[in-house]
PDB file of N, CA and C in Angstrom:
ATOM      1  N   MET A   1      -0.103  -1.829  -2.837  1.00  0.00           N
ATOM      2  CA  MET A   1      -1.296  -1.226  -2.333  1.00  0.00           C
ATOM      3  C   MET A   1      -0.939   0.156  -1.824  1.00  0.00           C
ATOM      4  N   PHE A   2      -1.928   1.056  -1.866  1.00  0.00           N
ATOM      5  CA  PHE A   2      -1.678   2.398  -1.355  1.00  0.00           C
ATOM      6  C   PHE A   2      -2.962   3.014  -0.829  1.00  0.00           C
ATOM      7  N   THR A   3      -2.779   3.946   0.072  1.00  0.00           N
ATOM      8  CA  THR A   3      -3.920   4.599   0.692  1.00  0.00           C
ATOM      9  C   THR A   3      -4.606   5.511  -0.312  1.00  0.00           C
ATOM     10  N   GLY A   4      -5.911   5.692  -0.135  1.00  0.00           N
ATOM     11  CA  GLY A   4      -6.679   6.586  -0.976  1.00  0.00           C
ATOM     12  C   GLY A   4      -6.484   8.032  -0.549  1.00  0.00           C
ATOM     13  N   SER A   5      -7.157   8.924  -1.224  1.00  0.00           N
ATOM     14  CA  SER A   5      -7.050  10.345  -0.901  1.00  0.00           C
ATOM     15  C   SER A   5      -7.768  10.643   0.403  1.00  0.00           C
ATOM     16  N   LYS A   6      -7.535  11.843   0.938  1.00  0.00           N
ATOM     17  CA  LYS A   6      -8.199  12.244   2.173  1.00  0.00           C
ATOM     18  C   LYS A   6      -9.712  12.306   1.987  1.00  0.00           C
ATOM     19  N   SER A   7     -10.159  12.654   0.792  1.00  0.00           N
ATOM     20  CA  SER A   7     -11.607  12.766   0.579  1.00  0.00           C
ATOM     21  C   SER A   7     -12.271  11.415   0.337  1.00  0.00           C
ATOM     22  N   THR A   8     -11.590  10.490  -0.348  1.00  0.00           N
ATOM     23  CA  THR A   8     -12.200   9.188  -0.639  1.00  0.00           C
ATOM     24  C   THR A   8     -11.870   8.137   0.404  1.00  0.00           C
ATOM     25  N   GLY A   9     -10.693   8.250   1.013  1.00  0.00           N
ATOM     26  CA  GLY A   9     -10.269   7.269   2.006  1.00  0.00           C
ATOM     27  C   GLY A   9     -10.014   5.915   1.380  1.00  0.00           C
ATOM     28  N   GLY A  10     -10.057   4.882   2.195  1.00  0.00           N
ATOM     29  CA  GLY A  10      -9.860   3.527   1.701  1.00  0.00           C
ATOM     30  C   GLY A  10      -8.448   3.272   1.226  1.00  0.00           C
ATOM     31  N   PHE A  11      -8.314   2.307   0.353  1.00  0.00           N
ATOM     32  CA  PHE A  11      -7.018   2.003  -0.231  1.00  0.00           C
ATOM     33  C   PHE A  11      -7.221   1.403  -1.612  1.00  0.00           C
ATOM     34  N   CYS A  12      -6.156   1.363  -2.382  1.00  0.00           N
ATOM     35  CA  CYS A  12      -6.178   0.822  -3.743  1.00  0.00           C
ATOM     36  C   CYS A  12      -5.204  -0.345  -3.808  1.00  0.00           C
ATOM     37  N   VAL A  13      -5.552  -1.313  -4.622  1.00  0.00           N
ATOM     38  CA  VAL A  13      -4.679  -2.460  -4.848  1.00  0.00           C
ATOM     39  C   VAL A  13      -4.413  -2.539  -6.339  1.00  0.00           C
ATOM     40  N   THR A  14      -3.161  -2.658  -6.693  1.00  0.00           N
ATOM     41  CA  THR A  14      -2.773  -2.801  -8.093  1.00  0.00           C
ATOM     42  C   THR A  14      -1.575  -3.739  -8.139  1.00  0.00           C
ATOM     43  N   ARG A  15      -1.053  -3.956  -9.310  1.00  0.00           N
ATOM     44  CA  ARG A  15       0.154  -4.774  -9.423  1.00  0.00           C
ATOM     45  C   ARG A  15       1.220  -3.961 -10.149  1.00  0.00           C
ATOM     46  N   LYS A  16       2.446  -4.329  -9.889  1.00  0.00           N
ATOM     47  CA  LYS A  16       3.594  -3.610 -10.434  1.00  0.00           C
ATOM     48  C   LYS A  16       3.516  -3.491 -11.955  1.00  0.00           C
ATOM     49  N   GLY A  17       3.103  -4.549 -12.625  1.00  0.00           N
ATOM     50  CA  GLY A  17       3.027  -4.544 -14.087  1.00  0.00           C
ATOM     51  C   GLY A  17       2.058  -3.518 -14.644  1.00  0.00           C
ATOM     52  N   LEU A  18       1.054  -3.150 -13.878  1.00  0.00           N
ATOM     53  CA  LEU A  18       0.116  -2.111 -14.311  1.00  0.00           C
ATOM     54  C   LEU A  18       0.560  -0.725 -13.866  1.00  0.00           C
ATOM     55  N   LEU A  19       1.131  -0.646 -12.671  1.00  0.00           N
ATOM     56  CA  LEU A  19       1.526   0.650 -12.119  1.00  0.00           C
ATOM     57  C   LEU A  19       2.759   1.221 -12.810  1.00  0.00           C
ATOM     58  N   GLU A  20       3.740   0.373 -13.068  1.00  0.00           N
ATOM     59  CA  GLU A  20       5.023   0.826 -13.615  1.00  0.00           C
ATOM     60  C   GLU A  20       4.894   1.615 -14.917  1.00  0.00           C
ATOM     61  N   PRO A  21       4.151   1.173 -15.926  1.00  0.00           N
ATOM     62  CA  PRO A  21       4.072   1.939 -17.172  1.00  0.00           C
ATOM     63  C   PRO A  21       3.052   3.091 -17.138  1.00  0.00           C
ATOM     64  N   SER A  22       2.321   3.228 -16.029  1.00  0.00           N
ATOM     65  CA  SER A  22       1.277   4.255 -15.956  1.00  0.00           C
ATOM     66  C   SER A  22       1.853   5.615 -15.549  1.00  0.00           C
ATOM     67  N   LYS A  23       0.985   6.610 -15.489  1.00  0.00           N
ATOM     68  CA  LYS A  23       1.391   7.950 -15.053  1.00  0.00           C
ATOM     69  C   LYS A  23       1.824   7.956 -13.591  1.00  0.00           C
ATOM     70  N   LEU A  24       1.486   6.911 -12.851  1.00  0.00           N
ATOM     71  CA  LEU A  24       1.880   6.811 -11.449  1.00  0.00           C
ATOM     72  C   LEU A  24       3.155   5.983 -11.258  1.00  0.00           C
ATOM     73  N   GLY A  25       3.775   5.582 -12.348  1.00  0.00           N
ATOM     74  CA  GLY A  25       4.982   4.762 -12.281  1.00  0.00           C
ATOM     75  C   GLY A  25       6.122   5.404 -11.513  1.00  0.00           C
ATOM     76  N   HIS A  26       6.125   6.738 -11.445  1.00  0.00           N
ATOM     77  CA  HIS A  26       7.188   7.448 -10.721  1.00  0.00           C
ATOM     78  C   HIS A  26       7.209   7.057  -9.248  1.00  0.00           C
ATOM     79  N   ILE A  27       6.080   6.607  -8.719  1.00  0.00           N
ATOM     80  CA  ILE A  27       6.026   6.174  -7.317  1.00  0.00           C
ATOM     81  C   ILE A  27       7.023   5.047  -7.094  1.00  0.00           C
ATOM     82  N   LEU A  28       7.070   4.099  -8.010  1.00  0.00           N
ATOM     83  CA  LEU A  28       7.998   2.975  -7.893  1.00  0.00           C
ATOM     84  C   LEU A  28       9.446   3.427  -8.051  1.00  0.00           C
ATOM     85  N   TYR A  29       9.713   4.271  -9.043  1.00  0.00           N
ATOM     86  CA  TYR A  29      11.085   4.698  -9.304  1.00  0.00           C
ATOM     87  C   TYR A  29      11.620   5.596  -8.205  1.00  0.00           C
ATOM     88  N   ASP A  30      10.740   6.365  -7.569  1.00  0.00           N
ATOM     89  CA  ASP A  30      11.162   7.237  -6.476  1.00  0.00           C
ATOM     90  C   ASP A  30      11.277   6.489  -5.152  1.00  0.00           C
ATOM     91  N   ASN A  31      10.802   5.264  -5.103  1.00  0.00           N
ATOM     92  CA  ASN A  31      10.856   4.423  -3.905  1.00  0.00           C
ATOM     93  C   ASN A  31      11.375   3.043  -4.288  1.00  0.00           C
ATOM     94  N   PRO A  32      12.699   2.919  -4.449  1.00  0.00           N
ATOM     95  CA  PRO A  32      13.270   1.664  -4.951  1.00  0.00           C
ATOM     96  C   PRO A  32      12.893   0.435  -4.139  1.00  0.00           C
ATOM     97  N   GLY A  33      12.599   0.600  -2.850  1.00  0.00           N
ATOM     98  CA  GLY A  33      12.204  -0.542  -2.029  1.00  0.00           C
ATOM     99  C   GLY A  33      10.907  -1.172  -2.483  1.00  0.00           C
ATOM    100  N   LEU A  34      10.094  -0.400  -3.197  1.00  0.00           N
ATOM    101  CA  LEU A  34       8.847  -0.938  -3.742  1.00  0.00           C
ATOM    102  C   LEU A  34       9.079  -1.643  -5.072  1.00  0.00           C
ATOM    103  N   ILE A  35       9.911  -1.059  -5.911  1.00  0.00           N
ATOM    104  CA  ILE A  35      10.095  -1.638  -7.253  1.00  0.00           C
ATOM    105  C   ILE A  35      10.909  -2.937  -7.209  1.00  0.00           C
ATOM    106  N   ASP A  36      11.843  -3.043  -6.255  1.00  0.00           N
ATOM    107  CA  ASP A  36      12.656  -4.266  -6.206  1.00  0.00           C
ATOM    108  C   ASP A  36      12.328  -5.158  -5.003  1.00  0.00           C
ATOM    109  N   TYR A  37      11.244  -4.826  -4.300  1.00  0.00           N
ATOM    110  CA  TYR A  37      10.758  -5.607  -3.157  1.00  0.00           C
ATOM    111  C   TYR A  37      11.765  -5.698  -2.012  1.00  0.00           C
ATOM    112  N   SER A  38      12.687  -4.739  -1.928  1.00  0.00           N
ATOM    113  CA  SER A  38      13.658  -4.759  -0.829  1.00  0.00           C
ATOM    114  C   SER A  38      13.074  -4.160   0.455  1.00  0.00           C
ATOM    115  N   ALA A  39      11.991  -3.389   0.344  1.00  0.00           N
ATOM    116  CA  ALA A  39      11.298  -2.911   1.546  1.00  0.00           C
ATOM    117  C   ALA A  39      10.597  -4.105   2.175  1.00  0.00           C
ATOM    118  N   PRO A  40      10.520  -4.142   3.504  1.00  0.00           N
ATOM    119  CA  PRO A  40       9.827  -5.271   4.141  1.00  0.00           C
ATOM    120  C   PRO A  40       8.368  -5.363   3.690  1.00  0.00           C
ATOM    121  N   GLN A  41       7.925  -6.578   3.449  1.00  0.00           N
ATOM    122  CA  GLN A  41       6.549  -6.802   3.015  1.00  0.00           C
ATOM    123  C   GLN A  41       5.568  -6.208   4.035  1.00  0.00           C
ATOM    124  N   GLY A  42       4.594  -5.450   3.545  1.00  0.00           N
ATOM    125  CA  GLY A  42       3.564  -4.879   4.405  1.00  0.00           C
ATOM    126  C   GLY A  42       3.964  -3.619   5.140  1.00  0.00           C
ATOM    127  N   GLU A  43       5.193  -3.153   4.966  1.00  0.00           N
ATOM    128  CA  GLU A  43       5.641  -1.936   5.636  1.00  0.00           C
ATOM    129  C   GLU A  43       5.313  -0.727   4.756  1.00  0.00           C
ATOM    130  N   PHE A  44       4.507   0.178   5.290  1.00  0.00           N
ATOM    131  CA  PHE A  44       4.096   1.337   4.514  1.00  0.00           C
ATOM    132  C   PHE A  44       5.215   2.360   4.398  1.00  0.00           C
ATOM    133  N   ILE A  45       5.364   2.904   3.189  1.00  0.00           N
ATOM    134  CA  ILE A  45       6.342   3.945   2.896  1.00  0.00           C
ATOM    135  C   ILE A  45       5.548   5.201   2.556  1.00  0.00           C
ATOM    136  N   LYS A  46       5.797   6.274   3.282  1.00  0.00           N
ATOM    137  CA  LYS A  46       5.093   7.533   3.013  1.00  0.00           C
ATOM    138  C   LYS A  46       5.752   8.240   1.836  1.00  0.00           C
ATOM    139  N   TYR A  47       4.909   8.742   0.922  1.00  0.00           N
ATOM    140  CA  TYR A  47       5.410   9.438  -0.264  1.00  0.00           C
ATOM    141  C   TYR A  47       4.321  10.359  -0.771  1.00  0.00           C
ATOM    142  N   LYS A  48       4.607  11.639  -0.781  1.00  0.00           N
ATOM    143  CA  LYS A  48       3.699  12.667  -1.302  1.00  0.00           C
ATOM    144  C   LYS A  48       2.269  12.534  -0.781  1.00  0.00           C
ATOM    145  N   GLY A  49       2.128  12.379   0.526  1.00  0.00           N
ATOM    146  CA  GLY A  49       0.812  12.389   1.152  1.00  0.00           C
ATOM    147  C   GLY A  49       0.069  11.072   1.211  1.00  0.00           C
ATOM    148  N   CYS A  50       0.616  10.033   0.610  1.00  0.00           N
ATOM    149  CA  CYS A  50      -0.016   8.708   0.673  1.00  0.00           C
ATOM    150  C   CYS A  50       0.985   7.714   1.252  1.00  0.00           C
ATOM    151  N   SER A  51       0.515   6.536   1.559  1.00  0.00           N
ATOM    152  CA  SER A  51       1.381   5.465   2.053  1.00  0.00           C
ATOM    153  C   SER A  51       1.289   4.289   1.090  1.00  0.00           C
ATOM    154  N   TYR A  52       2.446   3.691   0.811  1.00  0.00           N
ATOM    155  CA  TYR A  52       2.541   2.611  -0.174  1.00  0.00           C
ATOM    156  C   TYR A  52       3.226   1.400   0.446  1.00  0.00           C
ATOM    157  N   ALA A  53       2.774   0.220   0.081  1.00  0.00           N
ATOM    158  CA  ALA A  53       3.392  -1.013   0.555  1.00  0.00           C
ATOM    159  C   ALA A  53       3.185  -2.098  -0.494  1.00  0.00           C
ATOM    160  N   TRP A  54       4.005  -3.125  -0.412  1.00  0.00           N
ATOM    161  CA  TRP A  54       3.788  -4.286  -1.275  1.00  0.00           C
ATOM    162  C   TRP A  54       3.472  -5.476  -0.388  1.00  0.00           C
ATOM    163  N   VAL A  55       2.638  -6.358  -0.889  1.00  0.00           N
ATOM    164  CA  VAL A  55       2.299  -7.608  -0.209  1.00  0.00           C
ATOM    165  C   VAL A  55       2.154  -8.703  -1.256  1.00  0.00           C
ATOM    166  N   GLU A  56       2.454  -9.910  -0.855  1.00  0.00           N
ATOM    167  CA  GLU A  56       2.287 -11.046  -1.763  1.00  0.00           C
ATOM    168  C   GLU A  56       0.815 -11.418  -1.855  1.00  0.00           C
ATOM    169  N   ILE A  57       0.445 -11.928  -3.000  1.00  0.00           N
ATOM    170  CA  ILE A  57      -0.891 -12.473  -3.202  1.00  0.00           C
ATOM    171  C   ILE A  57      -0.755 -13.986  -3.101  1.00  0.00           C
ATOM    172  N   SER A  58      -1.596 -14.598  -2.283  1.00  0.00           N
ATOM    173  CA  SER A  58      -1.502 -16.047  -2.077  1.00  0.00           C
ATOM    174  C   SER A  58      -1.858 -16.795  -3.359  1.00  0.00           C
ATOM    175  N   SER A  59      -1.545 -18.054  -3.377  1.00  0.00           N
ATOM    176  CA  SER A  59      -1.815 -18.868  -4.563  1.00  0.00           C
ATOM    177  C   SER A  59      -3.307 -18.951  -4.875  1.00  0.00           C
ATOM    178  N   ASP A  60      -4.155 -18.721  -3.856  1.00  0.00           N
ATOM    179  CA  ASP A  60      -5.600 -18.716  -4.115  1.00  0.00           C
ATOM    180  C   ASP A  60      -6.160 -17.301  -4.249  1.00  0.00           C
ATOM    181  N   GLY A  61      -5.261 -16.319  -4.493  1.00  0.00           N
ATOM    182  CA  GLY A  61      -5.688 -14.960  -4.830  1.00  0.00           C
ATOM    183  C   GLY A  61      -6.049 -14.055  -3.668  1.00  0.00           C
ATOM    184  N   LYS A  62      -5.564 -14.362  -2.468  1.00  0.00           N
ATOM    185  CA  LYS A  62      -5.911 -13.549  -1.302  1.00  0.00           C
ATOM    186  C   LYS A  62      -4.749 -12.654  -0.889  1.00  0.00           C
ATOM    187  N   ILE A  63      -5.112 -11.483  -0.377  1.00  0.00           N
ATOM    188  CA  ILE A  63      -4.146 -10.551   0.202  1.00  0.00           C
ATOM    189  C   ILE A  63      -4.470 -10.471   1.684  1.00  0.00           C
ATOM    190  N   VAL A  64      -3.471 -10.671   2.526  1.00  0.00           N
ATOM    191  CA  VAL A  64      -3.677 -10.616   3.964  1.00  0.00           C
ATOM    192  C   VAL A  64      -3.220  -9.257   4.481  1.00  0.00           C
ATOM    193  N   LEU A  65      -4.131  -8.547   5.135  1.00  0.00           N
ATOM    194  CA  LEU A  65      -3.813  -7.275   5.774  1.00  0.00           C
ATOM    195  C   LEU A  65      -3.741  -7.544   7.272  1.00  0.00           C
ATOM    196  N   THR A  66      -2.556  -7.452   7.824  1.00  0.00           N
ATOM    197  CA  THR A  66      -2.365  -7.772   9.234  1.00  0.00           C
ATOM    198  C   THR A  66      -2.798  -6.607  10.121  1.00  0.00           C
ATOM    199  N   GLU A  67      -3.031  -6.909  11.384  1.00  0.00           N
ATOM    200  CA  GLU A  67      -3.364  -5.856  12.345  1.00  0.00           C
ATOM    201  C   GLU A  67      -2.239  -4.849  12.423  1.00  0.00           C
ATOM    202  N   GLU A  68      -1.004  -5.330  12.342  1.00  0.00           N
ATOM    203  CA  GLU A  68       0.142  -4.428  12.386  1.00  0.00           C
ATOM    204  C   GLU A  68       0.116  -3.443  11.219  1.00  0.00           C
ATOM    205  N   MET A  69      -0.211  -3.929  10.029  1.00  0.00           N
ATOM    206  CA  MET A  69      -0.299  -3.048   8.864  1.00  0.00           C
ATOM    207  C   MET A  69      -1.351  -1.972   9.083  1.00  0.00           C
ATOM    208  N   MET A  70      -2.501  -2.357   9.581  1.00  0.00           N
ATOM    209  CA  MET A  70      -3.577  -1.396   9.805  1.00  0.00           C
ATOM    210  C   MET A  70      -3.259  -0.474  10.977  1.00  0.00           C
ATOM    211  N   GLY A  71      -2.548  -0.987  11.978  1.00  0.00           N
ATOM    212  CA  GLY A  71      -2.180  -0.174  13.126  1.00  0.00           C
ATOM    213  C   GLY A  71      -1.137   0.865  12.806  1.00  0.00           C
ATOM    214  N   ASN A  72      -0.310   0.616  11.800  1.00  0.00           N
ATOM    215  CA  ASN A  72       0.736   1.555  11.427  1.00  0.00           C
ATOM    216  C   ASN A  72       0.275   2.545  10.376  1.00  0.00           C
ATOM    217  N   ASN A  73      -0.953   2.439   9.934  1.00  0.00           N
ATOM    218  CA  ASN A  73      -1.454   3.320   8.891  1.00  0.00           C
ATOM    219  C   ASN A  73      -2.214   4.466   9.540  1.00  0.00           C
ATOM    220  N   ASN A  74      -1.624   5.643   9.517  1.00  0.00           N
ATOM    221  CA  ASN A  74      -2.205   6.806  10.198  1.00  0.00           C
ATOM    222  C   ASN A  74      -3.598   7.149   9.714  1.00  0.00           C
ATOM    223  N   TYR A  75      -3.924   6.903   8.455  1.00  0.00           N
ATOM    224  CA  TYR A  75      -5.254   7.233   7.952  1.00  0.00           C
ATOM    225  C   TYR A  75      -6.309   6.473   8.751  1.00  0.00           C
ATOM    226  N   TYR A  76      -6.105   5.183   8.936  1.00  0.00           N
ATOM    227  CA  TYR A  76      -7.091   4.371   9.630  1.00  0.00           C
ATOM    228  C   TYR A  76      -7.157   4.729  11.108  1.00  0.00           C
ATOM    229  N   ASN A  77      -6.017   5.008  11.717  1.00  0.00           N
ATOM    230  CA  ASN A  77      -6.016   5.408  13.120  1.00  0.00           C
ATOM    231  C   ASN A  77      -6.728   6.744  13.302  1.00  0.00           C
ATOM    232  N   LYS A  78      -6.442   7.704  12.460  1.00  0.00           N
ATOM    233  CA  LYS A  78      -7.009   9.053  12.561  1.00  0.00           C
ATOM    234  C   LYS A  78      -8.526   9.033  12.411  1.00  0.00           C
ATOM    235  N   HIS A  79      -9.043   8.166  11.542  1.00  0.00           N
ATOM    236  CA  HIS A  79     -10.477   8.117  11.268  1.00  0.00           C
ATOM    237  C   HIS A  79     -11.185   6.995  12.027  1.00  0.00           C
ATOM    238  N   ASP A  80     -10.460   6.358  12.970  1.00  0.00           N
ATOM    239  CA  ASP A  80     -11.025   5.317  13.826  1.00  0.00           C
ATOM    240  C   ASP A  80     -11.751   4.238  13.008  1.00  0.00           C
ATOM    241  N   ILE A  81     -11.118   3.808  11.939  1.00  0.00           N
ATOM    242  CA  ILE A  81     -11.687   2.763  11.082  1.00  0.00           C
ATOM    243  C   ILE A  81     -11.165   1.420  11.566  1.00  0.00           C
ATOM    244  N   GLN A  82     -12.047   0.482  11.736  1.00  0.00           N
ATOM    245  CA  GLN A  82     -11.684  -0.857  12.168  1.00  0.00           C
ATOM    246  C   GLN A  82     -11.780  -1.817  10.994  1.00  0.00           C
ATOM    247  N   LEU A  83     -10.705  -2.514  10.708  1.00  0.00           N
ATOM    248  CA  LEU A  83     -10.714  -3.517   9.657  1.00  0.00           C
ATOM    249  C   LEU A  83     -10.461  -4.864  10.285  1.00  0.00           C
ATOM    250  N   SER A  84     -11.188  -5.863   9.871  1.00  0.00           N
ATOM    251  CA  SER A  84     -10.921  -7.204  10.379  1.00  0.00           C
ATOM    252  C   SER A  84      -9.928  -7.886   9.463  1.00  0.00           C
ATOM    253  N   CYS A  85      -9.019  -8.597  10.044  1.00  0.00           N
ATOM    254  CA  CYS A  85      -7.958  -9.262   9.274  1.00  0.00           C
ATOM    255  C   CYS A  85      -8.162 -10.749   9.295  1.00  0.00           C
TER     256      CYS A  85
END
């Protein structure tokens, strides 16, 4: 998952299999902790103006965004956006 642009805000969710072969695949190669899952789950990594993190998808297809994840994301803090987890 990664944060959206300053103008659109929000965030995007994708999977490694789609991101890796795309024009944005360099994000994974430039941040090895994302491509090999060695970065802690849910920990945002800043790269070229956006923040990127990986999270597991539950067996029933859910992604859990913790308060800590939202609290550490400067975009949401700066724009006073409240997300329920």
